[in-house]
């Protein structure tokens, strides 16, 4: 039987990089333009109180909950920044917006950041996002085992070998020994709660890999969680995503960069404080457009203590992600085992040191790099 062809364009190496750099005219032969600072180049640091910063997430989910909190409840303003938040619908899109200069920070999965850094070394990871992978394989109600997914069409928002498409393929392979293109195919589906539910309801797809609160919403609608990415050994205790910036923007705006990172860490502390639980849940329900009870179920992200109160990226994160990308086909087997220059913890370390003890060790989970792990 010939391999099944996926209607989703499955991008590998250079093609995936072009998607990441679409805004920067990848493939034109031109060097990507340096992103302009907000309000022009080299904005005076003395005018920090009026400086605007735009942050791009992928979708409104529990992963970027702390940023949502910081924007909504004025945490960033305490550090002199007017931060607004947009959603780019995929990690490559978010990175393209940052490289093009329309946003200053993004949260993306590490595999997308690796591909972007290979093409444009100005892309750096400046802080940790979440020290776990709470991703779930949601299937139609009649699916009781992986055998029922043979020949199925599944949904993914990112291209093959990146983000949710990679996680889905790893769960399919580990849980059911099913191979993409041979045993099932992918089609493009938006990961927001509404479109994901519509794709399942219409029968367009039989499975999808999603995060809370979308996974909770789908389960409440009668769909089944067949597998947890934490059951795949390669993802056990691996970090989910990082906070990215352009090295040029950070060097031109050091005070603003440090202020953003202080606001980010303070937002994590705000989210961790049990006194803020109810309003944080209300905010996630509003932004993700789900019922409050579904957003409340996502509070396990908070109690798990995986939001990084200290912000540092562990030394093992990128090498482990590179190994996964090689096995998934988005990196050549001959690629280096690490990506020199991608992670720069210096800025978040400086930000953390300047925070008061009430933020560093406030109420709620510790959120510190686990004992035995070293920063990159």
Protein backbone atom coordinates (compact mmCIF):
# COMPACT_ATOMS: atom_id res chain seq x y z
CA UNK A 1 0.00 0.00 0.00
CA UNK A 2 1.51 3.39 -0.95
CA UNK A 3 2.17 5.93 1.83
CA UNK A 4 -0.81 8.15 2.67
CA UNK A 5 -0.34 11.76 1.62
CA UNK A 6 -1.18 14.47 4.13
CA UNK A 7 -3.15 17.49 2.94
CA UNK A 8 -1.18 19.55 5.44
CA UNK A 9 2.02 20.82 3.85
CA UNK A 10 4.68 18.97 5.78
CA UNK A 11 7.61 21.28 6.10
CA UNK A 12 11.11 20.06 6.82
CA UNK A 13 14.34 21.90 7.58
CA UNK A 14 14.67 24.74 5.05
CA UNK A 15 10.95 24.83 4.28
CA UNK A 16 10.12 25.09 7.98
CA UNK A 17 12.65 27.89 8.31
CA UNK A 18 10.99 29.77 5.49
CA UNK A 19 7.71 29.59 7.36
CA UNK A 20 9.42 30.91 10.48
CA UNK A 21 10.95 33.77 8.50
CA UNK A 22 8.01 34.50 6.20
CA UNK A 23 7.67 38.06 7.40
CA UNK A 24 11.40 38.54 6.85
CA UNK A 25 11.19 37.48 3.17
CA UNK A 26 12.91 34.13 3.54
CA UNK A 27 14.25 32.80 0.27
CA UNK A 28 14.66 36.23 -1.27
CA UNK A 29 18.40 36.22 -0.80
CA UNK A 30 18.16 39.29 1.42
CA UNK A 31 19.35 39.40 5.02
CA UNK A 32 16.43 39.81 7.46
CA UNK A 33 15.97 43.43 8.42
CA UNK A 34 16.94 44.36 11.97
CA UNK A 35 13.83 44.91 14.08
CA UNK A 36 13.22 48.50 15.01
CA UNK A 37 12.88 49.46 18.65
CA UNK A 38 9.41 50.62 19.67
CA UNK A 39 9.13 54.25 18.68
CA UNK A 40 12.30 54.13 16.57
CA UNK A 41 15.85 52.97 17.13
CA UNK A 42 17.55 53.23 20.50
CA UNK A 43 14.55 54.61 22.42
CA UNK A 44 15.84 56.57 25.44
CA UNK A 45 15.91 54.31 28.48
CA UNK A 46 15.00 57.33 30.60
CA UNK A 47 11.58 57.31 28.93
CA UNK A 48 10.92 53.77 30.05
CA UNK A 49 7.61 54.69 31.69
CA UNK A 50 6.07 55.33 28.26
CA UNK A 51 7.74 52.49 26.34
CA UNK A 52 5.42 49.97 24.76
CA UNK A 53 6.27 46.29 24.36
CA UNK A 54 4.25 43.76 22.38
CA UNK A 55 4.30 40.09 23.32
CA UNK A 56 3.06 37.34 20.99
CA UNK A 57 1.71 34.07 22.29
CA UNK A 58 0.40 31.29 20.07
CA UNK A 59 -3.11 30.87 21.49
CA UNK A 60 -4.64 31.99 24.82
CA UNK A 61 -3.91 28.91 26.94
CA UNK A 62 -2.57 27.97 30.35
CA UNK A 63 0.99 28.02 29.04
CA UNK A 64 1.08 31.82 28.70
CA UNK A 65 -1.27 32.38 31.65
CA UNK A 66 1.33 34.40 33.58
CA UNK A 67 1.74 36.86 30.70
CA UNK A 68 -2.04 37.23 30.45
CA UNK A 69 -2.13 37.98 34.18
CA UNK A 70 0.71 40.49 33.94
CA UNK A 71 -0.98 42.40 31.14
CA UNK A 72 -4.52 42.32 32.58
CA UNK A 73 -3.69 43.18 36.19
CA UNK A 74 -1.00 45.78 35.59
CA UNK A 75 2.02 43.83 36.81
CA UNK A 76 4.21 44.97 33.91
CA UNK A 77 3.23 48.59 34.52
CA UNK A 78 4.79 48.33 37.97
CA UNK A 79 8.10 47.92 36.13
CA UNK A 80 7.57 50.85 33.77
CA UNK A 81 6.29 49.04 30.69
CA UNK A 82 3.04 49.19 28.74
CA UNK A 83 2.82 45.55 27.56
CA UNK A 84 0.14 44.32 25.17
CA UNK A 85 -0.42 40.74 24.06
CA UNK A 86 -1.39 39.27 20.69
CA UNK A 87 -1.81 35.68 19.46
CA UNK A 88 -0.11 34.45 16.28
CA UNK A 89 -1.71 30.97 16.08
CA UNK A 90 1.58 29.06 15.65
CA UNK A 91 5.17 29.20 16.89
CA UNK A 92 6.60 29.92 13.39
CA UNK A 93 4.14 32.80 12.96
CA UNK A 94 5.05 34.26 16.36
CA UNK A 95 8.76 34.08 15.53
CA UNK A 96 8.20 35.63 12.11
CA UNK A 97 6.44 38.58 13.75
CA UNK A 98 9.36 39.01 16.16
CA UNK A 99 12.00 38.76 13.44
CA UNK A 100 10.04 41.26 11.35
CA UNK A 101 10.04 43.70 14.28
CA UNK A 102 6.31 43.91 15.00
CA UNK A 103 6.65 42.24 18.42
CA UNK A 104 9.51 42.27 20.92
CA UNK A 105 8.97 38.99 22.81
CA UNK A 106 7.33 35.67 22.00
CA UNK A 107 6.62 32.39 23.73
CA UNK A 108 7.27 29.45 21.42
CA UNK A 109 8.15 25.80 21.63
CA UNK A 110 11.90 25.25 21.67
CA UNK A 111 11.97 23.32 18.39
CA UNK A 112 10.64 26.34 16.47
CA UNK A 113 13.15 28.63 18.21
CA UNK A 114 15.99 26.30 17.24
CA UNK A 115 15.02 26.41 13.57
CA UNK A 116 14.68 30.21 13.67
CA UNK A 117 18.07 30.65 15.37
CA UNK A 118 19.75 28.49 12.73
CA UNK A 119 18.58 30.91 10.07
CA UNK A 120 18.92 34.11 12.09
CA UNK A 121 21.30 33.91 15.10
CA UNK A 122 19.79 37.11 16.50
CA UNK A 123 16.90 34.97 17.78
CA UNK A 124 17.60 34.05 21.41
CA UNK A 125 15.74 32.33 24.24
CA UNK A 126 15.90 34.67 27.24
CA UNK A 127 13.73 32.87 29.81
CA UNK A 128 12.01 29.59 30.58
CA UNK A 129 8.29 29.20 29.95
CA UNK A 130 7.07 26.00 31.62
CA UNK A 131 9.02 23.05 33.02
CA UNK A 132 6.68 20.28 31.90
CA UNK A 133 4.74 19.08 28.83
CA UNK A 134 1.00 18.89 29.67
CA UNK A 135 -0.11 17.89 26.17
CA UNK A 136 -2.90 15.36 25.53
CA UNK A 137 -4.05 13.26 22.58
CA UNK A 138 -7.82 13.77 22.29
CA UNK A 139 -9.80 11.35 20.11
CA UNK A 140 -13.33 10.69 18.92
CA UNK A 141 -15.60 8.92 21.47
CA UNK A 142 -15.58 5.63 19.52
CA UNK A 143 -11.78 5.40 19.59
CA UNK A 144 -10.75 3.02 22.39
CA UNK A 145 -7.20 2.19 21.32
CA UNK A 146 -4.49 3.26 18.91
CA UNK A 147 -5.58 0.47 16.57
CA UNK A 148 -8.74 2.52 15.91
CA UNK A 149 -6.58 5.37 14.60
CA UNK A 150 -4.99 3.40 11.77
CA UNK A 151 -5.93 5.15 8.53
CA UNK A 152 -7.20 8.21 10.41
CA UNK A 153 -6.83 11.90 9.65
CA UNK A 154 -5.58 13.87 12.66
CA UNK A 155 -5.38 17.62 13.20
CA UNK A 156 -2.28 19.76 13.81
CA UNK A 157 -1.65 23.48 13.64
CA UNK A 158 2.13 23.37 13.19
CA UNK A 159 3.98 21.64 10.34
CA UNK A 160 5.41 18.14 10.72
CA UNK A 161 8.26 17.90 13.19
CA UNK A 162 7.30 21.11 15.04
CA UNK A 163 5.09 21.76 18.06
CA UNK A 164 1.77 19.95 18.27
CA UNK A 165 2.45 17.98 15.07
CA UNK A 166 5.62 16.54 16.62
CA UNK A 167 3.91 15.79 19.95
CA UNK A 168 1.05 14.02 18.20
CA UNK A 169 3.42 11.90 16.14
CA UNK A 170 5.45 10.96 19.23
CA UNK A 171 2.33 9.87 21.12
CA UNK A 172 1.10 7.90 18.11
CA UNK A 173 4.47 6.19 17.73
CA UNK A 174 5.06 5.46 21.41
CA UNK A 175 1.50 4.50 22.27
CA UNK A 176 0.48 2.64 19.13
CA UNK A 177 3.58 2.23 16.93
CA UNK A 178 1.79 4.26 14.23
CA UNK A 179 3.84 6.16 11.64
CA UNK A 180 2.84 9.46 10.04
CA UNK A 181 2.23 9.10 6.31
CA UNK A 182 2.06 5.32 6.57
CA UNK A 183 -0.64 4.73 9.19
CA UNK A 184 -2.35 8.13 9.47
CA UNK A 185 -2.19 11.62 7.97
CA UNK A 186 -2.36 15.22 9.18
CA UNK A 187 -4.52 18.14 8.17
CA UNK A 188 -4.28 21.72 9.37
CA UNK A 189 -6.55 22.59 12.31
CA UNK A 190 -6.54 25.70 14.51
CA UNK A 191 -5.78 24.73 18.12
CA UNK A 192 -8.15 27.23 19.71
CA UNK A 193 -11.02 25.58 21.56
CA UNK A 194 -13.78 26.49 19.07
CA UNK A 195 -12.06 25.39 15.83
CA UNK A 196 -10.67 22.22 17.45
CA UNK A 197 -14.16 21.24 18.66
CA UNK A 198 -15.67 22.03 15.25
CA UNK A 199 -13.08 19.85 13.46
CA UNK A 200 -13.91 16.91 15.73
CA UNK A 201 -17.67 17.45 15.56
CA UNK A 202 -17.67 17.57 11.76
CA UNK A 203 -15.64 14.36 11.53
CA UNK A 204 -12.84 16.19 9.71
CA UNK A 205 -10.35 14.71 12.17
CA UNK A 206 -10.23 11.70 14.46
CA UNK A 207 -7.56 12.96 16.85
CA UNK A 208 -5.71 16.10 17.89
CA UNK A 209 -2.97 17.01 20.40
CA UNK A 210 -4.01 19.92 22.62
CA UNK A 211 -3.27 21.73 25.87
CA UNK A 212 -5.59 22.63 28.74
CA UNK A 213 -8.07 24.27 28.82
CA UNK A 214 -8.92 23.00 25.31
CA UNK A 215 -8.34 19.37 26.34
CA UNK A 216 -10.74 19.84 29.27
CA UNK A 217 -13.36 21.42 27.02
CA UNK A 218 -13.15 18.57 24.51
CA UNK A 219 -13.33 15.94 27.24
CA UNK A 220 -16.42 17.63 28.67
CA UNK A 221 -18.00 17.48 25.19
CA UNK A 222 -17.64 13.69 25.17
CA UNK A 223 -14.28 13.27 23.43
CA UNK A 224 -11.69 10.99 25.01
CA UNK A 225 -8.14 11.58 26.19
CA UNK A 226 -6.24 8.59 24.84
CA UNK A 227 -2.68 9.51 25.78
CA UNK A 228 -0.56 11.96 27.76
CA UNK A 229 2.72 13.24 26.31
CA UNK A 230 4.34 12.66 29.71
CA UNK A 231 3.99 8.93 28.97
CA UNK A 232 6.59 9.36 26.21
CA UNK A 233 9.97 8.99 27.98
CA UNK A 234 11.72 11.61 25.84
CA UNK A 235 9.32 14.27 27.16
CA UNK A 236 9.44 13.35 30.84
CA UNK A 237 10.40 16.47 32.83
CA UNK A 238 11.29 18.34 29.63
CA UNK A 239 10.44 22.04 29.34
CA UNK A 240 7.56 22.95 27.05
CA UNK A 241 8.49 26.39 25.69
CA UNK A 242 10.67 29.42 26.20
CA UNK A 243 10.46 33.21 26.01
CA UNK A 244 12.28 34.59 22.96
CA UNK A 245 13.62 37.98 21.91
CA UNK A 246 15.96 39.43 19.29
CA UNK A 247 19.53 39.84 20.52
CA UNK A 248 19.74 43.21 18.75
CA UNK A 249 16.59 44.56 20.45
CA UNK A 250 17.77 43.39 23.87
CA UNK A 251 21.22 45.00 23.42
CA UNK A 252 19.65 48.29 22.27
CA UNK A 253 17.03 48.25 25.05
CA UNK A 254 18.70 46.59 28.05
CA UNK A 255 16.61 48.35 30.70
CA UNK A 256 13.34 47.62 28.90
CA UNK A 257 14.36 43.98 28.41
CA UNK A 258 15.21 43.62 32.09
CA UNK A 259 11.98 45.40 33.08
CA UNK A 260 9.96 42.99 30.92
CA UNK A 261 11.64 39.97 32.48
CA UNK A 262 11.09 41.35 35.99
CA UNK A 263 7.44 41.87 35.11
CA UNK A 264 7.25 38.34 33.71
CA UNK A 265 8.69 36.76 36.87
CA UNK A 266 6.49 38.97 39.06
CA UNK A 267 3.48 37.84 36.99
CA UNK A 268 4.37 34.21 37.73
CA UNK A 269 4.52 35.09 41.44
CA UNK A 270 1.12 36.80 41.13
CA UNK A 271 -0.35 33.72 39.44
CA UNK A 272 1.14 31.44 42.12
CA UNK A 273 -0.44 33.41 44.98
CA UNK A 274 -3.61 31.54 46.04
CA UNK A 275 -5.20 34.90 46.86
CA UNK A 276 -5.32 35.63 43.10
CA UNK A 277 -6.71 32.25 42.02
CA UNK A 278 -10.29 33.28 41.29
CA UNK A 279 -9.50 36.32 39.17
CA UNK A 280 -6.80 34.38 37.29
CA UNK A 281 -9.32 31.66 36.43
CA UNK A 282 -11.86 34.26 35.31
CA UNK A 283 -9.22 35.80 33.04
CA UNK A 284 -8.26 32.50 31.39
CA UNK A 285 -11.93 31.64 30.83
CA UNK A 286 -12.47 35.03 29.15
CA UNK A 287 -9.37 34.94 26.96
CA UNK A 288 -9.65 31.27 25.95
CA UNK A 289 -13.44 31.62 25.50
CA UNK A 290 -14.30 28.59 27.61
CA UNK A 291 -16.61 28.01 30.55
CA UNK A 292 -15.20 28.98 33.91
CA UNK A 293 -15.30 25.38 35.16
CA UNK A 294 -13.05 24.37 32.27
CA UNK A 295 -10.56 27.15 33.00
CA UNK A 296 -10.63 26.16 36.67
CA UNK A 297 -9.55 22.62 35.74
CA UNK A 298 -6.40 24.16 34.21
CA UNK A 299 -5.32 25.45 37.63
CA UNK A 300 -3.36 22.21 37.98
CA UNK A 301 -0.78 24.01 35.80
CA UNK A 302 -0.30 26.40 38.72
CA UNK A 303 -0.26 23.89 41.56
CA UNK A 304 2.28 21.75 39.63
CA UNK A 305 4.85 24.51 40.23
CA UNK A 306 6.29 24.32 36.71
CA UNK A 307 6.09 28.05 35.92
CA UNK A 308 9.69 29.22 36.46
CA UNK A 309 9.79 31.71 39.34
CA UNK A 310 13.55 32.06 38.69
CA UNK A 311 13.15 32.12 34.89
CA UNK A 312 16.33 30.21 33.99
CA UNK A 313 16.51 27.64 31.17
CA UNK A 314 18.20 24.36 32.13
CA UNK A 315 21.29 23.22 30.24
CA UNK A 316 19.59 20.00 29.10
CA UNK A 317 16.54 21.60 27.44
CA UNK A 318 17.99 22.40 24.02
CA UNK A 319 20.06 19.18 23.59
CA UNK A 320 17.01 17.05 24.49
CA UNK A 321 14.84 19.04 22.07
CA UNK A 322 17.45 18.66 19.31
CA UNK A 323 17.40 14.88 19.80
CA UNK A 324 13.60 14.87 19.49
CA UNK A 325 13.72 17.01 16.35
CA UNK A 326 16.23 14.65 14.74
CA UNK A 327 13.99 11.68 15.44
CA UNK A 328 10.99 13.62 14.14
CA UNK A 329 12.74 14.61 10.91
CA UNK A 330 12.82 18.41 11.31
CA UNK A 331 16.60 18.36 11.87
CA UNK A 332 19.22 16.40 9.97
CA UNK A 333 20.84 13.56 11.91
CA UNK A 334 24.22 15.25 11.40
CA UNK A 335 23.12 18.47 13.17
CA UNK A 336 25.08 19.43 16.34
CA UNK A 337 23.73 18.06 19.61
CA UNK A 338 23.37 21.58 21.04
CA UNK A 339 22.66 25.03 19.56
CA UNK A 340 25.40 27.43 20.65
CA UNK A 341 24.19 30.95 21.32
CA UNK A 342 20.46 30.22 21.43
CA UNK A 343 20.00 30.40 25.20
CA UNK A 344 21.04 33.55 27.05
CA UNK A 345 20.11 33.33 30.74
CA UNK A 346 22.08 36.44 31.71
CA UNK A 347 19.16 38.84 31.35
CA UNK A 348 16.66 36.82 33.38
CA UNK A 349 19.27 36.13 36.07
CA UNK A 350 19.88 39.87 36.42
CA UNK A 351 16.13 40.52 36.51
CA UNK A 352 15.58 37.89 39.19
CA UNK A 353 18.33 39.28 41.40
CA UNK A 354 16.69 42.72 41.35
CA UNK A 355 13.29 41.43 42.50
CA UNK A 356 12.20 41.73 46.14
CA UNK A 357 11.99 38.65 48.33
CA UNK A 358 8.20 38.97 48.29
CA UNK A 359 8.32 38.02 44.60
CA UNK A 360 11.18 35.52 44.76
CA UNK A 361 9.67 33.53 47.62
CA UNK A 362 6.04 34.63 47.77
CA UNK A 363 2.99 32.44 48.45
CA UNK A 364 2.41 29.32 46.36
CA UNK A 365 4.78 26.84 44.72
CA UNK A 366 8.54 27.46 44.79
CA UNK A 367 8.87 27.27 41.00
CA UNK A 368 12.66 27.03 41.10
CA UNK A 369 15.00 25.00 38.90
CA UNK A 370 14.90 21.49 40.40
CA UNK A 371 17.89 20.33 42.41
CA UNK A 372 20.49 18.60 40.27
CA UNK A 373 19.75 20.62 37.14
CA UNK A 374 22.09 23.37 35.98
CA UNK A 375 21.22 26.56 34.04
CA UNK A 376 22.38 26.75 30.43
